[in-house]
């Protein structure tokens, strides 16, 4: 877990990592929780279902027909 406390802003951020799994020799936390305490509290939960490391990616990107350059 990692905690950041900023007394000037009066905000606390906590990060929690869990359920570590060995994926191709990389120890990776499958679950993560982020809690931000400010005027309100925000909770974010991340659960990774599929992970791959050190593989080449291919991303297709099409420029929209109405896009104009300056």
PDB file of N, CA and C in Angstrom:
ATOM      1  N   UNK A   1       0.844  -1.174   0.000  1.00  0.00           N
ATOM      2  CA  UNK A   1       0.000   0.000   0.000  1.00  0.00           C
ATOM      3  C   UNK A   1       0.884   1.230   0.000  1.00  0.00           C
ATOM      4  N   UNK A   2       0.393   2.280  -0.592  1.00  0.00           N
ATOM      5  CA  UNK A   2       1.111   3.551  -0.685  1.00  0.00           C
ATOM      6  C   UNK A   2       0.153   4.640  -0.246  1.00  0.00           C
ATOM      7  N   UNK A   3       0.614   5.532   0.606  1.00  0.00           N
ATOM      8  CA  UNK A   3      -0.235   6.613   1.099  1.00  0.00           C
ATOM      9  C   UNK A   3       0.441   7.946   0.833  1.00  0.00           C
ATOM     10  N   UNK A   4      -0.317   8.917   0.327  1.00  0.00           N
ATOM     11  CA  UNK A   4       0.177  10.273   0.121  1.00  0.00           C
ATOM     12  C   UNK A   4      -0.720  11.205   0.908  1.00  0.00           C
ATOM     13  N   UNK A   5      -0.116  11.973   1.791  1.00  0.00           N
ATOM     14  CA  UNK A   5      -0.870  12.952   2.579  1.00  0.00           C
ATOM     15  C   UNK A   5      -0.268  14.323   2.294  1.00  0.00           C
ATOM     16  N   UNK A   6      -1.091  15.226   1.814  1.00  0.00           N
ATOM     17  CA  UNK A   6      -0.639  16.577   1.516  1.00  0.00           C
ATOM     18  C   UNK A   6      -1.333  17.531   2.488  1.00  0.00           C
ATOM     19  N   UNK A   7      -0.629  18.032   3.517  1.00  0.00           N
ATOM     20  CA  UNK A   7      -1.284  18.890   4.522  1.00  0.00           C
ATOM     21  C   UNK A   7      -1.756  20.229   3.969  1.00  0.00           C
ATOM     22  N   UNK A   8      -1.182  20.697   2.864  1.00  0.00           N
ATOM     23  CA  UNK A   8      -1.614  21.973   2.297  1.00  0.00           C
ATOM     24  C   UNK A   8      -2.971  21.855   1.608  1.00  0.00           C
ATOM     25  N   UNK A   9      -3.237  20.718   1.008  1.00  0.00           N
ATOM     26  CA  UNK A   9      -4.493  20.519   0.279  1.00  0.00           C
ATOM     27  C   UNK A   9      -5.503  19.756   1.132  1.00  0.00           C
ATOM     28  N   UNK A  10      -5.062  19.125   2.197  1.00  0.00           N
ATOM     29  CA  UNK A  10      -5.909  18.303   3.053  1.00  0.00           C
ATOM     30  C   UNK A  10      -6.574  17.181   2.257  1.00  0.00           C
ATOM     31  N   UNK A  11      -5.747  16.472   1.515  1.00  0.00           N
ATOM     32  CA  UNK A  11      -6.194  15.355   0.704  1.00  0.00           C
ATOM     33  C   UNK A  11      -5.339  14.138   1.051  1.00  0.00           C
ATOM     34  N   UNK A  12      -5.975  13.008   1.173  1.00  0.00           N
ATOM     35  CA  UNK A  12      -5.264  11.757   1.419  1.00  0.00           C
ATOM     36  C   UNK A  12      -5.574  10.798   0.285  1.00  0.00           C
ATOM     37  N   UNK A  13      -4.535  10.160  -0.240  1.00  0.00           N
ATOM     38  CA  UNK A  13      -4.699   9.171  -1.295  1.00  0.00           C
ATOM     39  C   UNK A  13      -4.060   7.876  -0.821  1.00  0.00           C
ATOM     40  N   UNK A  14      -4.823   6.797  -0.855  1.00  0.00           N
ATOM     41  CA  UNK A  14      -4.317   5.474  -0.487  1.00  0.00           C
ATOM     42  C   UNK A  14      -4.426   4.553  -1.692  1.00  0.00           C
ATOM     43  N   UNK A  15      -3.348   3.831  -1.977  1.00  0.00           N
ATOM     44  CA  UNK A  15      -3.329   2.836  -3.045  1.00  0.00           C
ATOM     45  C   UNK A  15      -3.069   1.480  -2.412  1.00  0.00           C
ATOM     46  N   UNK A  16      -3.899   0.512  -2.757  1.00  0.00           N
ATOM     47  CA  UNK A  16      -3.742  -0.840  -2.234  1.00  0.00           C
ATOM     48  C   UNK A  16      -3.597  -1.812  -3.401  1.00  0.00           C
ATOM     49  N   UNK A  17      -2.590  -2.663  -3.324  1.00  0.00           N
ATOM     50  CA  UNK A  17      -2.335  -3.665  -4.353  1.00  0.00           C
ATOM     51  C   UNK A  17      -2.550  -5.039  -3.742  1.00  0.00           C
ATOM     52  N   UNK A  18      -3.163  -5.959  -4.500  1.00  0.00           N
ATOM     53  CA  UNK A  18      -3.405  -7.284  -3.952  1.00  0.00           C
ATOM     54  C   UNK A  18      -3.462  -8.363  -5.013  1.00  0.00           C
ATOM     55  N   UNK A  19      -3.594  -9.598  -4.550  1.00  0.00           N
ATOM     56  CA  UNK A  19      -3.706 -10.788  -5.396  1.00  0.00           C
ATOM     57  C   UNK A  19      -2.579 -10.848  -6.423  1.00  0.00           C
ATOM     58  N   UNK A  20      -1.344 -10.838  -5.939  1.00  0.00           N
ATOM     59  CA  UNK A  20      -0.180 -10.882  -6.823  1.00  0.00           C
ATOM     60  C   UNK A  20      -0.102 -12.225  -7.528  1.00  0.00           C
ATOM     61  N   UNK A  21       0.159 -12.189  -8.844  1.00  0.00           N
ATOM     62  CA  UNK A  21       0.326 -13.400  -9.630  1.00  0.00           C
ATOM     63  C   UNK A  21       1.602 -13.296 -10.450  1.00  0.00           C
ATOM     64  N   UNK A  22       2.259 -14.435 -10.637  1.00  0.00           N
ATOM     65  CA  UNK A  22       3.479 -14.482 -11.425  1.00  0.00           C
ATOM     66  C   UNK A  22       3.097 -14.676 -12.893  1.00  0.00           C
ATOM     67  N   UNK A  23       3.321 -13.632 -13.713  1.00  0.00           N
ATOM     68  CA  UNK A  23       2.975 -13.673 -15.128  1.00  0.00           C
ATOM     69  C   UNK A  23       4.268 -13.504 -15.915  1.00  0.00           C
ATOM     70  N   UNK A  24       4.732 -14.595 -16.506  1.00  0.00           N
ATOM     71  CA  UNK A  24       5.988 -14.579 -17.277  1.00  0.00           C
ATOM     72  C   UNK A  24       7.123 -13.953 -16.477  1.00  0.00           C
ATOM     73  N   UNK A  25       7.313 -14.409 -15.269  1.00  0.00           N
ATOM     74  CA  UNK A  25       8.366 -13.981 -14.329  1.00  0.00           C
ATOM     75  C   UNK A  25       8.161 -12.562 -13.793  1.00  0.00           C
ATOM     76  N   UNK A  26       7.023 -11.954 -14.031  1.00  0.00           N
ATOM     77  CA  UNK A  26       6.719 -10.626 -13.493  1.00  0.00           C
ATOM     78  C   UNK A  26       5.644 -10.779 -12.424  1.00  0.00           C
ATOM     79  N   UNK A  27       5.943 -10.328 -11.215  1.00  0.00           N
ATOM     80  CA  UNK A  27       4.970 -10.381 -10.129  1.00  0.00           C
ATOM     81  C   UNK A  27       4.030  -9.188 -10.285  1.00  0.00           C
ATOM     82  N   UNK A  28       2.757  -9.469 -10.594  1.00  0.00           N
ATOM     83  CA  UNK A  28       1.810  -8.423 -10.968  1.00  0.00           C
ATOM     84  C   UNK A  28       0.586  -8.470 -10.065  1.00  0.00           C
ATOM     85  N   UNK A  29       0.204  -7.326  -9.454  1.00  0.00           N
ATOM     86  CA  UNK A  29      -1.005  -7.309  -8.623  1.00  0.00           C
ATOM     87  C   UNK A  29      -2.264  -7.246  -9.497  1.00  0.00           C
ATOM     88  N   UNK A  30      -3.110  -8.233  -9.392  1.00  0.00           N
ATOM     89  CA  UNK A  30      -4.317  -8.323 -10.213  1.00  0.00           C
ATOM     90  C   UNK A  30      -5.391  -7.344  -9.731  1.00  0.00           C
ATOM     91  N   UNK A  31      -5.416  -7.057  -8.434  1.00  0.00           N
ATOM     92  CA  UNK A  31      -6.413  -6.126  -7.905  1.00  0.00           C
ATOM     93  C   UNK A  31      -5.720  -4.876  -7.383  1.00  0.00           C
ATOM     94  N   UNK A  32      -6.383  -3.747  -7.580  1.00  0.00           N
ATOM     95  CA  UNK A  32      -5.889  -2.468  -7.072  1.00  0.00           C
ATOM     96  C   UNK A  32      -7.081  -1.656  -6.600  1.00  0.00           C
ATOM     97  N   UNK A  33      -6.888  -0.958  -5.503  1.00  0.00           N
ATOM     98  CA  UNK A  33      -7.927  -0.081  -4.985  1.00  0.00           C
ATOM     99  C   UNK A  33      -7.300   1.277  -4.704  1.00  0.00           C
ATOM    100  N   UNK A  34      -7.948   2.329  -5.157  1.00  0.00           N
ATOM    101  CA  UNK A  34      -7.495   3.702  -4.947  1.00  0.00           C
ATOM    102  C   UNK A  34      -8.588   4.418  -4.164  1.00  0.00           C
ATOM    103  N   UNK A  35      -8.209   5.002  -3.035  1.00  0.00           N
ATOM    104  CA  UNK A  35      -9.166   5.744  -2.208  1.00  0.00           C
ATOM    105  C   UNK A  35      -8.633   7.157  -2.038  1.00  0.00           C
ATOM    106  N   UNK A  36      -9.441   8.134  -2.471  1.00  0.00           N
ATOM    107  CA  UNK A  36      -9.078   9.543  -2.353  1.00  0.00           C
ATOM    108  C   UNK A  36     -10.031  10.174  -1.353  1.00  0.00           C
ATOM    109  N   UNK A  37      -9.477  10.700  -0.269  1.00  0.00           N
ATOM    110  CA  UNK A  37     -10.262  11.423   0.729  1.00  0.00           C
ATOM    111  C   UNK A  37      -9.957  12.905   0.578  1.00  0.00           C
ATOM    112  N   UNK A  38     -10.956  13.645   0.169  1.00  0.00           N
ATOM    113  CA  UNK A  38     -10.859  15.090   0.001  1.00  0.00           C
ATOM    114  C   UNK A  38     -12.101  15.640   0.682  1.00  0.00           C
ATOM    115  N   UNK A  39     -12.786  16.540   0.063  1.00  0.00           N
ATOM    116  CA  UNK A  39     -14.073  16.968   0.604  1.00  0.00           C
ATOM    117  C   UNK A  39     -15.071  15.813   0.538  1.00  0.00           C
ATOM    118  N   UNK A  40     -14.910  14.971  -0.452  1.00  0.00           N
ATOM    119  CA  UNK A  40     -15.693  13.753  -0.611  1.00  0.00           C
ATOM    120  C   UNK A  40     -14.732  12.583  -0.673  1.00  0.00           C
ATOM    121  N   UNK A  41     -15.261  11.386  -0.602  1.00  0.00           N
ATOM    122  CA  UNK A  41     -14.412  10.208  -0.745  1.00  0.00           C
ATOM    123  C   UNK A  41     -14.706   9.547  -2.079  1.00  0.00           C
ATOM    124  N   UNK A  42     -13.647   9.227  -2.801  1.00  0.00           N
ATOM    125  CA  UNK A  42     -13.764   8.543  -4.088  1.00  0.00           C
ATOM    126  C   UNK A  42     -13.050   7.213  -3.959  1.00  0.00           C
ATOM    127  N   UNK A  43     -13.726   6.127  -4.351  1.00  0.00           N
ATOM    128  CA  UNK A  43     -13.126   4.797  -4.341  1.00  0.00           C
ATOM    129  C   UNK A  43     -13.103   4.256  -5.768  1.00  0.00           C
ATOM    130  N   UNK A  44     -11.942   3.766  -6.158  1.00  0.00           N
ATOM    131  CA  UNK A  44     -11.775   3.173  -7.482  1.00  0.00           C
ATOM    132  C   UNK A  44     -11.219   1.770  -7.286  1.00  0.00           C
ATOM    133  N   UNK A  45     -11.868   0.784  -7.887  1.00  0.00           N
ATOM    134  CA  UNK A  45     -11.408  -0.605  -7.796  1.00  0.00           C
ATOM    135  C   UNK A  45     -11.074  -1.098  -9.200  1.00  0.00           C
ATOM    136  N   UNK A  46      -9.869  -1.628  -9.356  1.00  0.00           N
ATOM    137  CA  UNK A  46      -9.427  -2.179 -10.635  1.00  0.00           C
ATOM    138  C   UNK A  46      -9.198  -3.676 -10.478  1.00  0.00           C
ATOM    139  N   UNK A  47      -9.714  -4.459 -11.403  1.00  0.00           N
ATOM    140  CA  UNK A  47      -9.494  -5.907 -11.433  1.00  0.00           C
ATOM    141  C   UNK A  47      -9.035  -6.276 -12.836  1.00  0.00           C
ATOM    142  N   UNK A  48      -7.781  -6.683 -12.962  1.00  0.00           N
ATOM    143  CA  UNK A  48      -7.228  -7.037 -14.261  1.00  0.00           C
ATOM    144  C   UNK A  48      -7.586  -8.489 -14.581  1.00  0.00           C
ATOM    145  N   UNK A  49      -8.120  -8.713 -15.781  1.00  0.00           N
ATOM    146  CA  UNK A  49      -8.531 -10.049 -16.172  1.00  0.00           C
ATOM    147  C   UNK A  49      -7.547 -10.697 -17.140  1.00  0.00           C
ATOM    148  N   UNK A  50      -6.826  -9.887 -17.905  1.00  0.00           N
ATOM    149  CA  UNK A  50      -5.877 -10.446 -18.868  1.00  0.00           C
ATOM    150  C   UNK A  50      -4.661  -9.534 -18.938  1.00  0.00           C
ATOM    151  N   UNK A  51      -3.486 -10.104 -18.844  1.00  0.00           N
ATOM    152  CA  UNK A  51      -2.250  -9.340 -18.867  1.00  0.00           C
ATOM    153  C   UNK A  51      -1.255 -10.022 -19.788  1.00  0.00           C
ATOM    154  N   UNK A  52      -0.522  -9.210 -20.523  1.00  0.00           N
ATOM    155  CA  UNK A  52       0.592  -9.703 -21.323  1.00  0.00           C
ATOM    156  C   UNK A  52       1.698  -8.659 -21.239  1.00  0.00           C
ATOM    157  N   UNK A  53       2.921  -9.125 -21.146  1.00  0.00           N
ATOM    158  CA  UNK A  53       4.058  -8.236 -21.037  1.00  0.00           C
ATOM    159  C   UNK A  53       5.063  -8.530 -22.140  1.00  0.00           C
ATOM    160  N   UNK A  54       5.751  -7.484 -22.559  1.00  0.00           N
ATOM    161  CA  UNK A  54       6.844  -7.587 -23.525  1.00  0.00           C
ATOM    162  C   UNK A  54       6.416  -8.234 -24.834  1.00  0.00           C
ATOM    163  N   UNK A  55       5.239  -7.858 -25.327  1.00  0.00           N
ATOM    164  CA  UNK A  55       4.765  -8.323 -26.630  1.00  0.00           C
ATOM    165  C   UNK A  55       4.479  -7.106 -27.495  1.00  0.00           C
ATOM    166  N   UNK A  56       4.727  -7.258 -28.784  1.00  0.00           N
ATOM    167  CA  UNK A  56       4.475  -6.171 -29.717  1.00  0.00           C
ATOM    168  C   UNK A  56       2.969  -5.977 -29.889  1.00  0.00           C
ATOM    169  N   UNK A  57       2.554  -4.706 -29.908  1.00  0.00           N
ATOM    170  CA  UNK A  57       1.140  -4.378 -30.073  1.00  0.00           C
ATOM    171  C   UNK A  57       0.896  -3.798 -31.452  1.00  0.00           C
ATOM    172  N   UNK A  58      -0.295  -4.031 -31.960  1.00  0.00           N
ATOM    173  CA  UNK A  58      -0.712  -3.441 -33.222  1.00  0.00           C
ATOM    174  C   UNK A  58      -2.047  -2.745 -32.972  1.00  0.00           C
ATOM    175  N   UNK A  59      -2.094  -1.454 -33.269  1.00  0.00           N
ATOM    176  CA  UNK A  59      -3.309  -0.678 -33.038  1.00  0.00           C
ATOM    177  C   UNK A  59      -3.729  -0.050 -34.362  1.00  0.00           C
ATOM    178  N   UNK A  60      -4.972  -0.281 -34.758  1.00  0.00           N
ATOM    179  CA  UNK A  60      -5.496   0.290 -35.983  1.00  0.00           C
ATOM    180  C   UNK A  60      -6.132   1.637 -35.671  1.00  0.00           C
ATOM    181  N   UNK A  61      -5.790   2.631 -36.451  1.00  0.00           N
ATOM    182  CA  UNK A  61      -6.359   3.959 -36.267  1.00  0.00           C
ATOM    183  C   UNK A  61      -6.750   4.510 -37.623  1.00  0.00           C
ATOM    184  N   UNK A  62      -8.020   4.818 -37.781  1.00  0.00           N
ATOM    185  CA  UNK A  62      -8.510   5.411 -39.023  1.00  0.00           C
ATOM    186  C   UNK A  62      -8.814   6.884 -38.791  1.00  0.00           C
ATOM    187  N   UNK A  63      -8.359   7.728 -39.708  1.00  0.00           N
ATOM    188  CA  UNK A  63      -8.628   9.156 -39.623  1.00  0.00           C
ATOM    189  C   UNK A  63     -10.049   9.400 -40.130  1.00  0.00           C
ATOM    190  N   UNK A  64     -10.892  10.046 -39.337  1.00  0.00           N
ATOM    191  CA  UNK A  64     -12.261  10.306 -39.784  1.00  0.00           C
ATOM    192  C   UNK A  64     -12.285  11.144 -41.057  1.00  0.00           C
ATOM    193  N   UNK A  65     -13.263  10.911 -41.914  1.00  0.00           N
ATOM    194  CA  UNK A  65     -13.340  11.616 -43.209  1.00  0.00           C
ATOM    195  C   UNK A  65     -13.555  13.130 -43.040  1.00  0.00           C
ATOM    196  N   UNK A  66     -14.172  13.552 -41.941  1.00  0.00           N
ATOM    197  CA  UNK A  66     -14.406  14.984 -41.735  1.00  0.00           C
ATOM    198  C   UNK A  66     -13.252  15.680 -41.018  1.00  0.00           C
ATOM    199  N   UNK A  67     -12.142  14.987 -40.774  1.00  0.00           N
ATOM    200  CA  UNK A  67     -10.987  15.560 -40.104  1.00  0.00           C
ATOM    201  C   UNK A  67     -10.193  16.406 -41.093  1.00  0.00           C
ATOM    202  N   UNK A  68      -9.846  17.618 -40.708  1.00  0.00           N
ATOM    203  CA  UNK A  68      -9.076  18.512 -41.573  1.00  0.00           C
ATOM    204  C   UNK A  68      -7.804  18.947 -40.855  1.00  0.00           C
ATOM    205  N   UNK A  69      -6.709  19.050 -41.598  1.00  0.00           N
ATOM    206  CA  UNK A  69      -5.458  19.542 -41.016  1.00  0.00           C
ATOM    207  C   UNK A  69      -5.324  21.021 -41.318  1.00  0.00           C
ATOM    208  N   UNK A  70      -4.560  21.714 -40.485  1.00  0.00           N
ATOM    209  CA  UNK A  70      -4.344  23.156 -40.690  1.00  0.00           C
ATOM    210  C   UNK A  70      -3.009  23.385 -41.334  1.00  0.00           C
TER     211      UNK A  70
END
